All heavy atoms as atom14 arrays in JSON, in Angstrom:
{
  "sequence": "VHTRDASFIMQGIYTTSNVAVAVVLGIVAA",
  "atom14_mask": [
    [1, 1, 1, 1, 1, 1, 1, 0, 0, 0, 0, 0, 0, 0],
    [1, 1, 1, 1, 1, 1, 1, 1, 1, 1, 0, 0, 0, 0],
    [1, 1, 1, 1, 1, 1, 1, 0, 0, 0, 0, 0, 0, 0],
    [1, 1, 1, 1, 1, 1, 1, 1, 1, 1, 1, 0, 0, 0],
    [1, 1, 1, 1, 1, 1, 1, 1, 0, 0, 0, 0, 0, 0],
    [1, 1, 1, 1, 1, 0, 0, 0, 0, 0, 0, 0, 0, 0],
    [1, 1, 1, 1, 1, 1, 0, 0, 0, 0, 0, 0, 0, 0],
    [1, 1, 1, 1, 1, 1, 1, 1, 1, 1, 1, 0, 0, 0],
    [1, 1, 1, 1, 1, 1, 1, 1, 0, 0, 0, 0, 0, 0],
    [1, 1, 1, 1, 1, 1, 1, 1, 0, 0, 0, 0, 0, 0],
    [1, 1, 1, 1, 1, 1, 1, 1, 1, 0, 0, 0, 0, 0],
    [1, 1, 1, 1, 0, 0, 0, 0, 0, 0, 0, 0, 0, 0],
    [1, 1, 1, 1, 1, 1, 1, 1, 0, 0, 0, 0, 0, 0],
    [1, 1, 1, 1, 1, 1, 1, 1, 1, 1, 1, 1, 0, 0],
    [1, 1, 1, 1, 1, 1, 1, 0, 0, 0, 0, 0, 0, 0],
    [1, 1, 1, 1, 1, 1, 1, 0, 0, 0, 0, 0, 0, 0],
    [1, 1, 1, 1, 1, 1, 0, 0, 0, 0, 0, 0, 0, 0],
    [1, 1, 1, 1, 1, 1, 1, 1, 0, 0, 0, 0, 0, 0],
    [1, 1, 1, 1, 1, 1, 1, 0, 0, 0, 0, 0, 0, 0],
    [1, 1, 1, 1, 1, 0, 0, 0, 0, 0, 0, 0, 0, 0],
    [1, 1, 1, 1, 1, 1, 1, 0, 0, 0, 0, 0, 0, 0],
    [1, 1, 1, 1, 1, 0, 0, 0, 0, 0, 0, 0, 0, 0],
    [1, 1, 1, 1, 1, 1, 1, 0, 0, 0, 0, 0, 0, 0],
    [1, 1, 1, 1, 1, 1, 1, 0, 0, 0, 0, 0, 0, 0],
    [1, 1, 1, 1, 1, 1, 1, 1, 0, 0, 0, 0, 0, 0],
    [1, 1, 1, 1, 0, 0, 0, 0, 0, 0, 0, 0, 0, 0],
    [1, 1, 1, 1, 1, 1, 1, 1, 0, 0, 0, 0, 0, 0],
    [1, 1, 1, 1, 1, 1, 1, 0, 0, 0, 0, 0, 0, 0],
    [1, 1, 1, 1, 1, 0, 0, 0, 0, 0, 0, 0, 0, 0],
    [1, 1, 1, 1, 1, 0, 0, 0, 0, 0, 0, 0, 0, 0]
  ],
  "atom14_positions": [
    [[-11.59, 34.54, -9.54], [-12.32, 33.31, -9.29], [-12.26, 32.98, -7.8], [-11.21, 33.16, -7.17], [-11.71, 32.13, -10.1], [-12.39, 30.83, -9.77], [-11.76, 32.4, -11.57], [0.0, 0.0, 0.0], [0.0, 0.0, 0.0], [0.0, 0.0, 0.0], [0.0, 0.0, 0.0], [0.0, 0.0, 0.0], [0.0, 0.0, 0.0], [0.0, 0.0, 0.0]],
    [[-13.38, 32.53, -7.27], [-13.42, 32.06, -5.89], [-13.64, 30.55, -5.92], [-14.67, 30.08, -6.41], [-14.54, 32.75, -5.11], [-14.57, 32.36, -3.66], [-13.76, 32.95, -2.73], [-15.29, 31.43, -3.0], [-13.98, 32.42, -1.56], [-14.92, 31.49, -1.69], [0.0, 0.0, 0.0], [0.0, 0.0, 0.0], [0.0, 0.0, 0.0], [0.0, 0.0, 0.0]],
    [[-12.65, 29.77, -5.43], [-12.8, 28.31, -5.42], [-13.85, 27.91, -4.39], [-14.09, 28.62, -3.42], [-11.46, 27.62, -5.11], [-10.94, 28.12, -3.88], [-10.46, 27.82, -6.22], [0.0, 0.0, 0.0], [0.0, 0.0, 0.0], [0.0, 0.0, 0.0], [0.0, 0.0, 0.0], [0.0, 0.0, 0.0], [0.0, 0.0, 0.0], [0.0, 0.0, 0.0]],
    [[-14.45, 26.78, -4.61], [-15.5, 26.3, -3.72], [-14.89, 25.77, -2.43], [-13.71, 25.5, -2.36], [-16.32, 25.22, -4.41], [-17.04, 25.77, -5.62], [-17.85, 24.7, -6.27], [-18.5, 25.19, -7.46], [-19.81, 25.31, -7.58], [-20.61, 25.0, -6.61], [-20.32, 25.75, -8.71], [0.0, 0.0, 0.0], [0.0, 0.0, 0.0], [0.0, 0.0, 0.0]],
    [[-15.74, 25.6, -1.42], [-15.23, 25.12, -0.13], [-14.9, 23.63, -0.22], [-15.24, 22.95, -1.17], [-16.21, 25.42, 1.0], [-17.55, 24.73, 0.8], [-17.74, 24.08, -0.23], [-18.4, 24.86, 1.69], [0.0, 0.0, 0.0], [0.0, 0.0, 0.0], [0.0, 0.0, 0.0], [0.0, 0.0, 0.0], [0.0, 0.0, 0.0], [0.0, 0.0, 0.0]],
    [[-14.21, 23.13, 0.8], [-13.71, 21.75, 0.79], [-14.84, 20.72, 0.75], [-14.64, 19.61, 0.25], [-12.82, 21.52, 2.0], [0.0, 0.0, 0.0], [0.0, 0.0, 0.0], [0.0, 0.0, 0.0], [0.0, 0.0, 0.0], [0.0, 0.0, 0.0], [0.0, 0.0, 0.0], [0.0, 0.0, 0.0], [0.0, 0.0, 0.0], [0.0, 0.0, 0.0]],
    [[-16.01, 21.05, 1.26], [-17.11, 20.08, 1.26], [-17.62, 19.8, -0.15], [-18.28, 18.79, -0.39], [-18.27, 20.58, 2.13], [-18.85, 21.73, 1.57], [0.0, 0.0, 0.0], [0.0, 0.0, 0.0], [0.0, 0.0, 0.0], [0.0, 0.0, 0.0], [0.0, 0.0, 0.0], [0.0, 0.0, 0.0], [0.0, 0.0, 0.0], [0.0, 0.0, 0.0]],
    [[-17.33, 20.68, -1.1], [-17.77, 20.47, -2.49], [-17.15, 19.21, -3.08], [-17.77, 18.54, -3.92], [-17.39, 21.69, -3.35], [-17.87, 21.59, -4.76], [-19.2, 21.81, -5.08], [-16.99, 21.28, -5.79], [-19.64, 21.72, -6.39], [-17.42, 21.19, -7.1], [-18.76, 21.41, -7.39], [0.0, 0.0, 0.0], [0.0, 0.0, 0.0], [0.0, 0.0, 0.0]],
    [[-15.96, 18.86, -2.65], [-15.29, 17.66, -3.16], [-16.1, 16.41, -2.8], [-16.19, 15.48, -3.58], [-13.86, 17.54, -2.56], [-12.99, 18.68, -3.06], [-13.22, 16.22, -2.91], [-11.64, 18.74, -2.41], [0.0, 0.0, 0.0], [0.0, 0.0, 0.0], [0.0, 0.0, 0.0], [0.0, 0.0, 0.0], [0.0, 0.0, 0.0], [0.0, 0.0, 0.0]],
    [[-16.72, 16.42, -1.64], [-17.44, 15.24, -1.15], [-18.87, 15.13, -1.67], [-19.53, 14.15, -1.39], [-17.46, 15.25, 0.38], [-16.09, 15.14, 1.01], [-15.18, 13.68, 0.5], [-16.14, 12.42, 1.3], [0.0, 0.0, 0.0], [0.0, 0.0, 0.0], [0.0, 0.0, 0.0], [0.0, 0.0, 0.0], [0.0, 0.0, 0.0], [0.0, 0.0, 0.0]],
    [[-19.35, 16.1, -2.42], [-20.72, 16.01, -2.94], [-20.82, 14.85, -3.91], [-19.99, 14.66, -4.77], [-21.12, 17.3, -3.66], [-21.43, 18.42, -2.72], [-21.91, 19.67, -3.45], [-21.93, 19.72, -4.67], [-22.3, 20.66, -2.69], [0.0, 0.0, 0.0], [0.0, 0.0, 0.0], [0.0, 0.0, 0.0], [0.0, 0.0, 0.0], [0.0, 0.0, 0.0]],
    [[-21.86, 14.07, -3.72], [-22.07, 12.91, -4.57], [-21.35, 11.67, -4.08], [-21.54, 10.6, -4.6], [0.0, 0.0, 0.0], [0.0, 0.0, 0.0], [0.0, 0.0, 0.0], [0.0, 0.0, 0.0], [0.0, 0.0, 0.0], [0.0, 0.0, 0.0], [0.0, 0.0, 0.0], [0.0, 0.0, 0.0], [0.0, 0.0, 0.0], [0.0, 0.0, 0.0]],
    [[-20.52, 11.81, -3.05], [-19.82, 10.67, -2.48], [-20.47, 10.37, -1.14], [-20.51, 11.23, -0.26], [-18.32, 10.96, -2.31], [-17.69, 11.27, -3.66], [-17.62, 9.79, -1.64], [-16.26, 11.73, -3.57], [0.0, 0.0, 0.0], [0.0, 0.0, 0.0], [0.0, 0.0, 0.0], [0.0, 0.0, 0.0], [0.0, 0.0, 0.0], [0.0, 0.0, 0.0]],
    [[-20.97, 9.18, -0.98], [-21.63, 8.81, 0.25], [-20.79, 7.78, 0.98], [-20.29, 6.83, 0.38], [-23.02, 8.23, -0.04], [-23.9, 9.2, -0.77], [-24.1, 9.11, -2.14], [-24.51, 10.24, -0.09], [-24.9, 10.01, -2.81], [-25.32, 11.15, -0.75], [-25.51, 11.02, -2.1], [-26.29, 11.92, -2.76], [0.0, 0.0, 0.0], [0.0, 0.0, 0.0]],
    [[-20.66, 7.96, 2.26], [-19.95, 6.97, 3.05], [-20.95, 5.97, 3.6], [-22.09, 6.31, 3.91], [-19.18, 7.64, 4.21], [-20.12, 8.37, 5.02], [-18.12, 8.58, 3.68], [0.0, 0.0, 0.0], [0.0, 0.0, 0.0], [0.0, 0.0, 0.0], [0.0, 0.0, 0.0], [0.0, 0.0, 0.0], [0.0, 0.0, 0.0], [0.0, 0.0, 0.0]],
    [[-20.54, 4.73, 3.72], [-21.41, 3.67, 4.19], [-20.92, 3.25, 5.57], [-19.73, 3.02, 5.77], [-21.34, 2.47, 3.22], [-21.62, 2.95, 1.91], [-22.34, 1.41, 3.6], [0.0, 0.0, 0.0], [0.0, 0.0, 0.0], [0.0, 0.0, 0.0], [0.0, 0.0, 0.0], [0.0, 0.0, 0.0], [0.0, 0.0, 0.0], [0.0, 0.0, 0.0]],
    [[-21.85, 3.12, 6.5], [-21.46, 2.73, 7.85], [-21.16, 1.24, 7.89], [-21.62, 0.46, 7.06], [-22.57, 3.08, 8.84], [-23.69, 2.24, 8.62], [0.0, 0.0, 0.0], [0.0, 0.0, 0.0], [0.0, 0.0, 0.0], [0.0, 0.0, 0.0], [0.0, 0.0, 0.0], [0.0, 0.0, 0.0], [0.0, 0.0, 0.0], [0.0, 0.0, 0.0]],
    [[-20.42, 0.83, 8.91], [-20.07, -0.58, 9.08], [-21.3, -1.41, 9.39], [-21.38, -2.58, 9.03], [-19.03, -0.73, 10.19], [-17.7, -0.15, 9.78], [-17.43, 0.02, 8.6], [-16.86, 0.16, 10.75], [0.0, 0.0, 0.0], [0.0, 0.0, 0.0], [0.0, 0.0, 0.0], [0.0, 0.0, 0.0], [0.0, 0.0, 0.0], [0.0, 0.0, 0.0]],
    [[-22.27, -0.83, 10.08], [-23.5, -1.55, 10.41], [-24.26, -1.9, 9.13], [-24.74, -3.03, 8.98], [-24.38, -0.7, 11.36], [-25.72, -1.36, 11.61], [-23.65, -0.44, 12.67], [0.0, 0.0, 0.0], [0.0, 0.0, 0.0], [0.0, 0.0, 0.0], [0.0, 0.0, 0.0], [0.0, 0.0, 0.0], [0.0, 0.0, 0.0], [0.0, 0.0, 0.0]],
    [[-24.36, -0.98, 8.2], [-25.06, -1.24, 6.94], [-24.36, -2.34, 6.15], [-25.01, -3.23, 5.58], [-25.16, 0.03, 6.11], [0.0, 0.0, 0.0], [0.0, 0.0, 0.0], [0.0, 0.0, 0.0], [0.0, 0.0, 0.0], [0.0, 0.0, 0.0], [0.0, 0.0, 0.0], [0.0, 0.0, 0.0], [0.0, 0.0, 0.0], [0.0, 0.0, 0.0]],
    [[-23.05, -2.31, 6.13], [-22.29, -3.36, 5.42], [-22.52, -4.7, 6.09], [-22.74, -5.72, 5.41], [-20.79, -3.0, 5.38], [-19.97, -4.16, 4.84], [-20.56, -1.76, 4.55], [0.0, 0.0, 0.0], [0.0, 0.0, 0.0], [0.0, 0.0, 0.0], [0.0, 0.0, 0.0], [0.0, 0.0, 0.0], [0.0, 0.0, 0.0], [0.0, 0.0, 0.0]],
    [[-22.52, -4.75, 7.43], [-22.74, -6.0, 8.15], [-24.15, -6.55, 7.89], [-24.33, -7.76, 7.71], [-22.52, -5.78, 9.64], [0.0, 0.0, 0.0], [0.0, 0.0, 0.0], [0.0, 0.0, 0.0], [0.0, 0.0, 0.0], [0.0, 0.0, 0.0], [0.0, 0.0, 0.0], [0.0, 0.0, 0.0], [0.0, 0.0, 0.0], [0.0, 0.0, 0.0]],
    [[-25.15, -5.68, 7.85], [-26.52, -6.11, 7.58], [-26.64, -6.71, 6.19], [-27.22, -7.78, 6.0], [-27.51, -4.94, 7.78], [-28.87, -5.27, 7.22], [-27.6, -4.56, 9.24], [0.0, 0.0, 0.0], [0.0, 0.0, 0.0], [0.0, 0.0, 0.0], [0.0, 0.0, 0.0], [0.0, 0.0, 0.0], [0.0, 0.0, 0.0], [0.0, 0.0, 0.0]],
    [[-26.06, -6.05, 5.21], [-26.12, -6.56, 3.83], [-25.4, -7.89, 3.72], [-25.91, -8.84, 3.1], [-25.55, -5.52, 2.84], [-25.36, -6.12, 1.47], [-26.44, -4.31, 2.78], [0.0, 0.0, 0.0], [0.0, 0.0, 0.0], [0.0, 0.0, 0.0], [0.0, 0.0, 0.0], [0.0, 0.0, 0.0], [0.0, 0.0, 0.0], [0.0, 0.0, 0.0]],
    [[-24.22, -8.01, 4.31], [-23.49, -9.29, 4.27], [-24.26, -10.38, 5.01], [-24.27, -11.54, 4.57], [-22.1, -9.11, 4.86], [-21.12, -8.3, 4.03], [-19.8, -8.13, 4.76], [-20.89, -8.95, 2.67], [0.0, 0.0, 0.0], [0.0, 0.0, 0.0], [0.0, 0.0, 0.0], [0.0, 0.0, 0.0], [0.0, 0.0, 0.0], [0.0, 0.0, 0.0]],
    [[-24.93, -10.05, 6.11], [-25.74, -11.02, 6.84], [-26.9, -11.52, 6.0], [-27.21, -12.72, 6.0], [0.0, 0.0, 0.0], [0.0, 0.0, 0.0], [0.0, 0.0, 0.0], [0.0, 0.0, 0.0], [0.0, 0.0, 0.0], [0.0, 0.0, 0.0], [0.0, 0.0, 0.0], [0.0, 0.0, 0.0], [0.0, 0.0, 0.0], [0.0, 0.0, 0.0]],
    [[-27.56, -10.63, 5.3], [-28.68, -11.02, 4.43], [-28.2, -11.94, 3.31], [-28.83, -12.96, 3.01], [-29.39, -9.77, 3.87], [-30.14, -9.04, 4.99], [-30.35, -10.14, 2.74], [-30.69, -7.69, 4.59], [0.0, 0.0, 0.0], [0.0, 0.0, 0.0], [0.0, 0.0, 0.0], [0.0, 0.0, 0.0], [0.0, 0.0, 0.0], [0.0, 0.0, 0.0]],
    [[-27.07, -11.61, 2.71], [-26.52, -12.44, 1.63], [-26.15, -13.81, 2.17], [-26.46, -14.85, 1.55], [-25.31, -11.73, 0.97], [-24.57, -12.69, 0.05], [-25.76, -10.5, 0.22], [0.0, 0.0, 0.0], [0.0, 0.0, 0.0], [0.0, 0.0, 0.0], [0.0, 0.0, 0.0], [0.0, 0.0, 0.0], [0.0, 0.0, 0.0], [0.0, 0.0, 0.0]],
    [[-25.53, -13.88, 3.36], [-25.15, -15.17, 3.95], [-26.4, -15.99, 4.28], [-26.43, -17.21, 4.05], [-24.31, -14.93, 5.19], [0.0, 0.0, 0.0], [0.0, 0.0, 0.0], [0.0, 0.0, 0.0], [0.0, 0.0, 0.0], [0.0, 0.0, 0.0], [0.0, 0.0, 0.0], [0.0, 0.0, 0.0], [0.0, 0.0, 0.0], [0.0, 0.0, 0.0]],
    [[-27.45, -15.36, 4.83], [-28.68, -16.08, 5.15], [-29.33, -16.64, 3.89], [-29.82, -17.79, 3.89], [-29.65, -15.15, 5.88], [0.0, 0.0, 0.0], [0.0, 0.0, 0.0], [0.0, 0.0, 0.0], [0.0, 0.0, 0.0], [0.0, 0.0, 0.0], [0.0, 0.0, 0.0], [0.0, 0.0, 0.0], [0.0, 0.0, 0.0], [0.0, 0.0, 0.0]]
  ]
}
């Protein structure tokens, strides 16, 4: 068996930038 590379663990997991979080929180506050 050949195990998959380390990037396979991160598939389907998306990181969110701080700017996107700030924009969403700003819209909710407005």
